[in-house]
Amino acid sequence: MFFKKKLEKKTYDISEKRPVIKASICTGEQVAGFKNLATGAFEEVMLIKNQEDLTLFKETYGITGEIEKIY
């Protein structure tokens, strides 16, 4: 029998960071993470291979709506 791992809720400082998807133009690889609003630095959180991964990222951090994609 399979057991679903309990979702561990995490937080981020919305005054300092915003969620983004960093996508590679060449390979199409997508990584979810946070962009620092002051420095522009990208903090990688998880690889996005499919819609389920994106949903997990959004649920983990309590993100609603669309996430900006950067290249």
N, C-alpha and C. Protein backbone atom coordinates (compact mmCIF):
# COMPACT_ATOMS: atom_id res chain seq x y z
N MET A 1 0.84 -1.18 0.00
CA MET A 1 0.00 0.00 0.00
C MET A 1 0.88 1.25 0.00
N PHE A 2 0.47 2.27 -0.70
CA PHE A 2 1.24 3.50 -0.78
C PHE A 2 0.69 4.52 0.20
N PHE A 3 1.60 5.25 0.81
CA PHE A 3 1.21 6.29 1.74
C PHE A 3 1.72 7.62 1.21
N LYS A 4 0.85 8.61 1.21
CA LYS A 4 1.23 9.92 0.75
C LYS A 4 1.94 10.66 1.89
N LYS A 5 3.09 11.22 1.58
CA LYS A 5 3.87 11.95 2.58
C LYS A 5 3.09 13.20 2.99
N LYS A 6 3.07 13.47 4.28
CA LYS A 6 2.38 14.65 4.78
C LYS A 6 3.09 15.90 4.26
N LEU A 7 2.31 16.85 3.76
CA LEU A 7 2.86 18.08 3.20
C LEU A 7 3.40 18.96 4.31
N GLU A 8 4.68 19.30 4.22
CA GLU A 8 5.29 20.18 5.20
C GLU A 8 5.18 21.61 4.70
N LYS A 9 4.37 22.41 5.38
CA LYS A 9 4.17 23.81 4.98
C LYS A 9 5.41 24.61 5.31
N LYS A 10 5.79 25.48 4.38
CA LYS A 10 6.96 26.34 4.57
C LYS A 10 6.53 27.77 4.27
N THR A 11 7.35 28.73 4.70
CA THR A 11 7.03 30.13 4.47
C THR A 11 8.21 30.83 3.80
N TYR A 12 7.93 32.01 3.28
CA TYR A 12 8.96 32.87 2.73
C TYR A 12 8.55 34.30 3.01
N ASP A 13 9.50 35.21 3.03
CA ASP A 13 9.23 36.62 3.33
C ASP A 13 8.76 37.32 2.06
N ILE A 14 7.46 37.59 1.99
CA ILE A 14 6.90 38.19 0.77
C ILE A 14 7.37 39.63 0.56
N SER A 15 7.91 40.27 1.60
CA SER A 15 8.42 41.63 1.42
C SER A 15 9.81 41.62 0.80
N GLU A 16 10.50 40.46 0.84
CA GLU A 16 11.86 40.37 0.29
C GLU A 16 11.98 39.47 -0.94
N LYS A 17 11.05 38.53 -1.11
CA LYS A 17 11.16 37.56 -2.20
C LYS A 17 9.83 37.38 -2.91
N ARG A 18 9.92 36.94 -4.17
CA ARG A 18 8.70 36.58 -4.89
C ARG A 18 8.93 35.25 -5.59
N PRO A 19 7.90 34.40 -5.64
CA PRO A 19 8.06 33.10 -6.29
C PRO A 19 8.16 33.26 -7.81
N VAL A 20 9.07 32.51 -8.42
CA VAL A 20 9.24 32.52 -9.87
C VAL A 20 9.59 31.11 -10.34
N ILE A 21 9.36 30.89 -11.63
CA ILE A 21 9.81 29.67 -12.30
C ILE A 21 10.93 30.08 -13.25
N LYS A 22 12.11 29.52 -13.05
CA LYS A 22 13.24 29.82 -13.94
C LYS A 22 13.27 28.72 -14.99
N ALA A 23 13.12 29.10 -16.25
CA ALA A 23 13.07 28.13 -17.34
C ALA A 23 14.25 28.32 -18.28
N SER A 24 14.78 27.20 -18.74
CA SER A 24 15.87 27.22 -19.71
C SER A 24 15.28 27.30 -21.12
N ILE A 25 15.75 28.24 -21.91
CA ILE A 25 15.29 28.36 -23.29
C ILE A 25 15.75 27.15 -24.10
N CYS A 26 16.95 26.67 -23.84
CA CYS A 26 17.53 25.57 -24.61
C CYS A 26 16.91 24.22 -24.31
N THR A 27 16.84 23.87 -23.03
CA THR A 27 16.41 22.52 -22.65
C THR A 27 14.95 22.43 -22.20
N GLY A 28 14.36 23.56 -21.85
CA GLY A 28 12.99 23.55 -21.35
C GLY A 28 12.89 23.19 -19.87
N GLU A 29 14.04 22.92 -19.23
CA GLU A 29 14.03 22.59 -17.81
C GLU A 29 13.49 23.77 -17.01
N GLN A 30 12.65 23.45 -16.02
CA GLN A 30 12.06 24.48 -15.19
C GLN A 30 12.38 24.22 -13.72
N VAL A 31 12.74 25.29 -13.00
CA VAL A 31 13.06 25.21 -11.59
C VAL A 31 12.24 26.26 -10.85
N ALA A 32 11.56 25.83 -9.79
CA ALA A 32 10.79 26.76 -8.97
C ALA A 32 11.69 27.29 -7.86
N GLY A 33 11.49 28.55 -7.53
CA GLY A 33 12.27 29.14 -6.46
C GLY A 33 11.80 30.55 -6.17
N PHE A 34 12.69 31.32 -5.57
CA PHE A 34 12.34 32.68 -5.16
C PHE A 34 13.39 33.66 -5.65
N LYS A 35 12.91 34.80 -6.13
CA LYS A 35 13.79 35.88 -6.59
C LYS A 35 13.84 36.93 -5.50
N ASN A 36 15.07 37.28 -5.08
CA ASN A 36 15.25 38.31 -4.08
C ASN A 36 14.94 39.65 -4.74
N LEU A 37 14.02 40.41 -4.18
CA LEU A 37 13.59 41.67 -4.78
C LEU A 37 14.68 42.74 -4.73
N ALA A 38 15.56 42.69 -3.75
CA ALA A 38 16.62 43.70 -3.62
C ALA A 38 17.80 43.42 -4.54
N THR A 39 18.22 42.16 -4.61
CA THR A 39 19.43 41.83 -5.36
C THR A 39 19.17 41.19 -6.71
N GLY A 40 17.97 40.62 -6.89
CA GLY A 40 17.66 39.91 -8.13
C GLY A 40 18.17 38.49 -8.14
N ALA A 41 18.81 38.06 -7.05
CA ALA A 41 19.35 36.70 -6.97
C ALA A 41 18.22 35.67 -6.93
N PHE A 42 18.46 34.55 -7.57
CA PHE A 42 17.47 33.46 -7.62
C PHE A 42 17.87 32.36 -6.65
N GLU A 43 16.93 31.97 -5.79
CA GLU A 43 17.14 30.87 -4.84
C GLU A 43 16.35 29.67 -5.34
N GLU A 44 17.07 28.64 -5.76
CA GLU A 44 16.45 27.43 -6.32
C GLU A 44 15.84 26.60 -5.20
N VAL A 45 14.59 26.12 -5.41
CA VAL A 45 13.92 25.30 -4.41
C VAL A 45 13.67 23.89 -4.91
N MET A 46 13.07 23.75 -6.10
CA MET A 46 12.80 22.40 -6.60
C MET A 46 12.65 22.37 -8.11
N LEU A 47 12.98 21.23 -8.70
CA LEU A 47 12.83 20.99 -10.12
C LEU A 47 11.36 20.76 -10.43
N ILE A 48 10.86 21.37 -11.49
CA ILE A 48 9.47 21.20 -11.90
C ILE A 48 9.47 20.33 -13.16
N LYS A 49 9.02 19.08 -13.01
CA LYS A 49 8.99 18.15 -14.15
C LYS A 49 7.59 18.04 -14.75
N ASN A 50 6.57 18.37 -13.94
CA ASN A 50 5.18 18.25 -14.42
C ASN A 50 4.26 19.13 -13.57
N GLN A 51 2.99 19.10 -13.91
CA GLN A 51 2.01 19.95 -13.22
C GLN A 51 1.90 19.59 -11.73
N GLU A 52 2.09 18.32 -11.39
CA GLU A 52 2.02 17.90 -9.99
C GLU A 52 3.13 18.54 -9.16
N ASP A 53 4.33 18.65 -9.74
CA ASP A 53 5.44 19.30 -9.04
C ASP A 53 5.13 20.78 -8.78
N LEU A 54 4.56 21.44 -9.78
CA LEU A 54 4.21 22.85 -9.63
C LEU A 54 3.14 23.01 -8.55
N THR A 55 2.16 22.14 -8.55
CA THR A 55 1.10 22.18 -7.53
C THR A 55 1.69 21.97 -6.14
N LEU A 56 2.62 21.03 -6.01
CA LEU A 56 3.27 20.77 -4.73
C LEU A 56 4.03 22.00 -4.24
N PHE A 57 4.78 22.65 -5.13
CA PHE A 57 5.52 23.86 -4.77
C PHE A 57 4.55 24.94 -4.26
N LYS A 58 3.46 25.16 -4.99
CA LYS A 58 2.50 26.18 -4.61
C LYS A 58 1.82 25.86 -3.28
N GLU A 59 1.45 24.61 -3.08
CA GLU A 59 0.81 24.21 -1.83
C GLU A 59 1.78 24.30 -0.65
N THR A 60 3.03 23.92 -0.86
CA THR A 60 4.02 23.95 0.20
C THR A 60 4.22 25.36 0.75
N TYR A 61 4.23 26.35 -0.15
CA TYR A 61 4.49 27.73 0.25
C TYR A 61 3.23 28.60 0.31
N GLY A 62 2.06 28.01 0.11
CA GLY A 62 0.81 28.76 0.19
C GLY A 62 0.67 29.81 -0.91
N ILE A 63 1.13 29.48 -2.10
CA ILE A 63 1.10 30.41 -3.23
C ILE A 63 -0.19 30.20 -4.02
N THR A 64 -0.88 31.29 -4.29
CA THR A 64 -2.09 31.22 -5.12
C THR A 64 -1.86 32.04 -6.38
N GLY A 65 -2.57 31.71 -7.42
CA GLY A 65 -2.44 32.45 -8.66
C GLY A 65 -1.27 31.97 -9.50
N GLU A 66 -0.99 32.74 -10.54
CA GLU A 66 0.08 32.40 -11.47
C GLU A 66 1.44 32.79 -10.91
N ILE A 67 2.46 32.07 -11.34
CA ILE A 67 3.84 32.38 -10.95
C ILE A 67 4.58 32.86 -12.20
N GLU A 68 5.28 33.98 -12.07
CA GLU A 68 6.03 34.54 -13.18
C GLU A 68 7.12 33.56 -13.62
N LYS A 69 7.32 33.48 -14.93
CA LYS A 69 8.38 32.64 -15.50
C LYS A 69 9.48 33.55 -15.99
N ILE A 70 10.72 33.24 -15.58
CA ILE A 70 11.88 34.02 -16.04
C ILE A 70 12.81 33.10 -16.82
N TYR A 71 13.60 33.70 -17.73
CA TYR A 71 14.49 32.91 -18.59
C TYR A 71 15.93 33.31 -18.39
